[in-house]
Amino acid sequence: MAFPDSLLCQYPGCVRPPRPSAPGGRAPRYCEQRDGTGPIHNRQNARARRAKASLAPTSEPNRDLGLESKELSAEVLDTQGAGTCPATTDHLLTRMTTLVSADAANSSPHDTVRLAEEAIGRERQRTDQAEAEADKLRAALEAVSISNRHLLEASRSELREARTSHDKILAQERAHMASLRGELAATMREVRHGQVRERRLQAQLDTAHEDITVLRERLAAAEEAVRALTARALSAEALNRASIHRFT
């Protein structure tokens, strides 16, 4: 099954499709395989292969021009795959198209290839500079990411310490509340016991009052009986005196 050039591994001369892409990742440009004992088909080895091919002499300029055009397209894909600014890629394509179109009528194929190689070299240098800047930015971003991770870990550590301290204080407050509840329960028991004792003493006092009332009534009756007996005794003594007086 034949694949379009845009769907093939971008290593010069490779007809295999690129390796499968990771979920959510960028689409790979190379198959990451090797031909026999040759180099692995990746971006770095592809650039080395193109540089070697551009320096090799040839007696077939027309075929080399077609090869350079294919490798130029691969180089453009490399710059896109590396995250190079789209403006640089567009500039590369526009410059190559203008260069080939302007010089094709008045120059030999060999001169056209040479001019294209020179332009590719300049654009490759710009691409390398852009990649160096990108590496610096990635390093700075990694440093910021590491710093943020450290800050996050420090924040998490402080949060864990705060939670531990809060839990300790909360446990102490709960123990104090439990102690206060125990004291309150003991006080309530004493109050209830005192109320029971007070009711018992009040009942005893009421009973005593009733007993005193009964005793007073009995005392009053006894005093009445004594007065009655006294009156009878006095009456009997008066009668006795009268009788004695009469007999004398």
Protein backbone atom coordinates (compact mmCIF):
# COMPACT_ATOMS: atom_id res chain seq x y z
CA MET A 1 0.00 0.00 0.00
CA ALA A 2 1.50 3.36 -1.01
CA PHE A 3 1.35 6.34 1.35
CA PRO A 4 1.55 10.04 0.42
CA ASP A 5 4.92 11.65 1.19
CA SER A 6 3.31 13.64 4.04
CA LEU A 7 2.34 10.37 5.72
CA LEU A 8 5.74 8.67 5.34
CA CYS A 9 8.77 8.73 7.61
CA GLN A 10 10.70 11.92 6.77
CA TYR A 11 14.09 10.19 6.84
CA PRO A 12 15.55 10.45 3.29
CA GLY A 13 14.59 7.41 1.23
CA CYS A 14 12.37 5.77 3.92
CA VAL A 15 8.97 4.50 2.80
CA ARG A 16 7.70 3.38 6.20
CA PRO A 17 4.97 5.29 8.04
CA PRO A 18 5.94 7.24 11.20
CA ARG A 19 5.70 5.53 14.58
CA PRO A 20 2.27 5.72 16.30
CA SER A 21 1.66 8.89 18.26
CA ALA A 22 0.99 8.95 22.00
CA PRO A 23 -2.55 9.90 23.11
CA GLY A 24 -2.87 13.68 23.05
CA GLY A 25 0.69 14.10 21.75
CA ARG A 26 2.13 15.61 18.58
CA ALA A 27 2.16 13.44 15.46
CA PRO A 28 5.65 11.87 15.01
CA ARG A 29 7.62 12.52 11.78
CA TYR A 30 9.88 9.49 11.86
CA CYS A 31 9.49 5.72 12.14
CA GLU A 32 12.23 5.39 14.82
CA GLN A 33 13.51 2.24 13.05
CA ARG A 34 16.73 1.43 11.20
CA ASP A 35 17.58 -0.17 7.87
CA GLY A 36 19.80 -3.12 8.70
CA THR A 37 22.73 -1.74 10.68
CA GLY A 38 22.13 1.84 9.57
CA PRO A 39 21.20 4.75 11.85
CA ILE A 40 17.83 5.01 13.51
CA HIS A 41 15.40 7.11 11.51
CA ASN A 42 14.93 10.15 13.71
CA ARG A 43 15.22 13.90 13.34
CA GLN A 44 18.92 14.19 14.26
CA ASN A 45 20.06 11.39 11.95
CA ALA A 46 17.83 12.69 9.15
CA ARG A 47 19.50 16.09 9.33
CA ALA A 48 22.93 14.46 9.26
CA ARG A 49 21.88 12.36 6.25
CA ARG A 50 20.63 15.45 4.38
CA ALA A 51 23.81 17.38 5.17
CA LYS A 52 25.91 14.48 3.89
CA ALA A 53 23.79 14.19 0.73
CA SER A 54 24.05 17.93 0.07
CA LEU A 55 27.88 17.75 0.13
CA ALA A 56 28.20 14.62 -2.06
CA PRO A 57 29.16 15.35 -5.76
CA THR A 58 26.80 14.11 -8.44
CA SER A 59 26.64 13.96 -12.22
CA GLU A 60 22.85 14.05 -12.29
CA PRO A 61 21.88 17.60 -11.30
CA ASN A 62 18.24 17.22 -12.28
CA ARG A 63 17.78 14.19 -10.00
CA ASP A 64 19.64 16.00 -7.21
CA LEU A 65 17.35 19.00 -7.61
CA GLY A 66 14.33 16.78 -7.10
CA LEU A 67 16.02 15.14 -4.10
CA GLU A 68 16.83 18.54 -2.61
CA SER A 69 13.23 19.65 -3.11
CA LYS A 70 12.00 16.56 -1.22
CA GLU A 71 14.56 17.09 1.55
CA LEU A 72 13.65 20.78 1.72
CA SER A 73 10.03 19.75 2.38
CA ALA A 74 11.25 17.34 5.05
CA GLU A 75 13.31 20.13 6.60
CA VAL A 76 10.20 22.29 6.77
CA LEU A 77 8.37 19.45 8.51
CA ASP A 78 11.31 19.15 10.92
CA THR A 79 11.08 22.80 11.87
CA GLN A 80 7.33 22.42 12.46
CA GLY A 81 7.82 19.25 14.49
CA ALA A 82 10.43 20.98 16.66
CA GLY A 83 7.98 23.77 17.52
CA THR A 84 9.73 26.45 15.42
CA CYS A 85 7.79 29.64 14.85
CA PRO A 86 5.44 29.20 11.83
CA ALA A 87 6.72 32.49 10.41
CA THR A 88 10.22 30.95 10.04
CA THR A 89 8.80 27.95 8.17
CA ASP A 90 6.70 30.14 5.88
CA HIS A 91 9.72 32.33 5.23
CA LEU A 92 11.79 29.24 4.34
CA LEU A 93 9.23 27.95 1.86
CA THR A 94 8.66 31.37 0.30
CA ARG A 95 12.37 31.98 -0.03
CA MET A 96 13.07 28.60 -1.61
CA THR A 97 10.17 28.96 -4.04
CA THR A 98 11.27 32.47 -5.05
CA LEU A 99 14.90 31.41 -5.37
CA VAL A 100 14.20 28.40 -7.57
CA SER A 101 11.63 30.24 -9.69
CA ALA A 102 13.92 33.24 -10.28
CA ASP A 103 17.09 31.34 -11.05
CA ALA A 104 15.72 28.26 -12.84
CA ALA A 105 15.53 30.03 -16.20
CA ASN A 106 19.02 31.61 -16.07
CA SER A 107 21.03 29.09 -14.01
CA SER A 108 22.08 25.51 -14.41
CA PRO A 109 20.49 22.87 -12.17
CA HIS A 110 23.76 22.62 -10.28
CA ASP A 111 23.74 26.39 -9.54
CA THR A 112 20.09 26.17 -8.50
CA VAL A 113 20.88 23.34 -6.08
CA ARG A 114 23.87 25.28 -4.71
CA LEU A 115 21.74 28.36 -4.10
CA ALA A 116 19.09 26.22 -2.46
CA GLU A 117 21.73 24.57 -0.26
CA GLU A 118 23.06 27.95 0.79
CA ALA A 119 19.58 29.17 1.61
CA ILE A 120 18.87 25.91 3.47
CA GLY A 121 22.11 26.36 5.42
CA ARG A 122 21.16 29.87 6.46
CA GLU A 123 17.66 28.82 7.42
CA ARG A 124 19.06 25.80 9.26
CA GLN A 125 21.32 28.15 11.22
CA ARG A 126 18.33 30.30 12.10
CA THR A 127 16.43 27.16 13.06
CA ASP A 128 19.31 26.02 15.28
CA GLN A 129 19.35 29.41 16.96
CA ALA A 130 15.60 29.22 17.47
CA GLU A 131 15.96 25.71 18.89
CA ALA A 132 18.72 26.92 21.22
CA GLU A 133 16.44 29.70 22.43
CA ALA A 134 13.64 27.15 22.80
CA ASP A 135 15.96 24.93 24.85
CA LYS A 136 16.78 27.90 27.08
CA LEU A 137 13.08 28.64 27.48
CA ARG A 138 12.37 24.97 28.23
CA ALA A 139 15.18 24.98 30.83
CA ALA A 140 13.78 28.15 32.39
CA LEU A 141 10.29 26.67 32.33
CA GLU A 142 11.60 23.50 33.97
CA ALA A 143 13.34 25.60 36.65
CA VAL A 144 10.11 27.50 37.28
CA SER A 145 8.21 24.20 37.36
CA ILE A 146 10.69 22.75 39.87
CA SER A 147 10.44 25.91 41.97
CA ASN A 148 6.66 25.73 41.85
CA ARG A 149 6.77 22.07 42.84
CA HIS A 150 9.01 22.96 45.79
CA LEU A 151 6.67 25.77 46.80
CA LEU A 152 3.70 23.44 46.45
CA GLU A 153 5.40 20.78 48.56
CA ALA A 154 6.32 23.41 51.17
CA SER A 155 2.71 24.64 51.19
CA ARG A 156 1.46 21.10 51.57
CA SER A 157 3.92 20.51 54.43
CA GLU A 158 2.77 23.68 56.17
CA LEU A 159 -0.85 22.64 55.62
CA ARG A 160 -0.14 19.20 57.12
CA GLU A 161 1.56 20.83 60.14
CA ALA A 162 -1.35 23.26 60.55
CA ARG A 163 -3.83 20.38 60.36
CA THR A 164 -1.81 18.39 62.91
CA SER A 165 -1.71 21.39 65.26
CA HIS A 166 -5.41 22.03 64.71
CA ASP A 167 -6.25 18.39 65.40
CA LYS A 168 -4.15 18.49 68.59
CA ILE A 169 -5.88 21.65 69.81
CA LEU A 170 -9.27 20.23 68.87
CA ALA A 171 -8.51 17.02 70.81
CA GLN A 172 -7.52 19.09 73.87
CA GLU A 173 -10.70 21.17 73.61
CA ARG A 174 -12.79 18.02 73.30
CA ALA A 175 -11.09 16.53 76.38
CA HIS A 176 -11.73 19.77 78.31
CA MET A 177 -15.37 19.79 77.23
CA ALA A 178 -15.71 16.16 78.31
CA SER A 179 -14.24 17.07 81.71
CA LEU A 180 -16.65 20.00 82.06
CA ARG A 181 -19.56 17.76 81.11
CA GLY A 182 -18.43 15.28 83.78
CA GLU A 183 -18.24 18.02 86.40
CA LEU A 184 -21.65 19.35 85.37
CA ALA A 185 -23.16 15.87 85.58
CA ALA A 186 -21.68 15.40 89.07
CA THR A 187 -23.03 18.80 90.15
CA MET A 188 -26.46 17.96 88.78
CA ARG A 189 -26.41 14.67 90.67
CA GLU A 190 -25.51 16.52 93.87
CA VAL A 191 -28.27 19.05 93.23
CA ARG A 192 -30.79 16.29 92.62
CA HIS A 193 -29.56 14.48 95.74
CA GLY A 194 -29.86 17.72 97.74
CA GLN A 195 -33.36 18.28 96.39
CA VAL A 196 -34.37 14.77 97.42
CA ARG A 197 -32.86 15.30 100.86
CA GLU A 198 -34.60 18.67 101.14
CA ARG A 199 -37.94 17.11 100.24
CA ARG A 200 -37.33 14.36 102.82
CA LEU A 201 -36.47 16.89 105.55
CA GLN A 202 -39.50 18.98 104.59
CA ALA A 203 -41.70 15.90 104.95
CA GLN A 204 -40.13 15.19 108.36
CA LEU A 205 -40.71 18.82 109.37
CA ASP A 206 -44.34 18.65 108.26
CA THR A 207 -44.78 15.45 110.27
CA ALA A 208 -43.20 17.12 113.30
CA HIS A 209 -45.57 20.08 112.94
CA GLU A 210 -48.49 17.68 112.82
CA ASP A 211 -47.20 15.85 115.90
CA ILE A 212 -46.79 19.16 117.76
CA THR A 213 -50.34 20.11 116.83
CA VAL A 214 -51.65 16.78 118.17
CA LEU A 215 -49.59 17.14 121.37
CA ARG A 216 -50.91 20.67 121.87
CA GLU A 217 -54.45 19.42 121.46
CA ARG A 218 -53.77 16.62 123.97
CA LEU A 219 -52.14 19.09 126.38
CA ALA A 220 -55.13 21.40 126.11
CA ALA A 221 -57.47 18.47 126.83
CA ALA A 222 -55.33 17.40 129.79
CA GLU A 223 -55.31 20.93 131.19
CA GLU A 224 -59.09 21.03 130.82
CA ALA A 225 -59.35 17.71 132.60
CA VAL A 226 -57.10 19.00 135.43
CA ARG A 227 -59.18 22.11 135.79
CA ALA A 228 -62.32 19.97 135.92
CA LEU A 229 -60.79 17.67 138.54
CA THR A 230 -59.57 20.68 140.50
CA ALA A 231 -63.04 22.16 140.45
CA ARG A 232 -64.55 18.85 141.59
CA ALA A 233 -61.96 18.56 144.33
CA LEU A 234 -62.67 22.06 145.53
CA SER A 235 -66.40 21.39 145.45
CA ALA A 236 -65.95 18.13 147.34
CA GLU A 237 -63.74 19.84 149.91
CA ALA A 238 -66.34 22.57 150.36
CA LEU A 239 -69.06 19.99 150.90
CA ASN A 240 -66.83 18.14 153.33
CA ARG A 241 -66.23 21.29 155.34
CA ALA A 242 -69.90 22.05 155.39
CA SER A 243 -70.70 18.62 156.68
CA ILE A 244 -68.09 18.83 159.38
CA HIS A 245 -69.36 22.24 160.43
CA ARG A 246 -72.88 20.94 160.60
CA PHE A 247 -71.97 18.07 162.87
CA THR A 248 -70.03 20.26 165.14
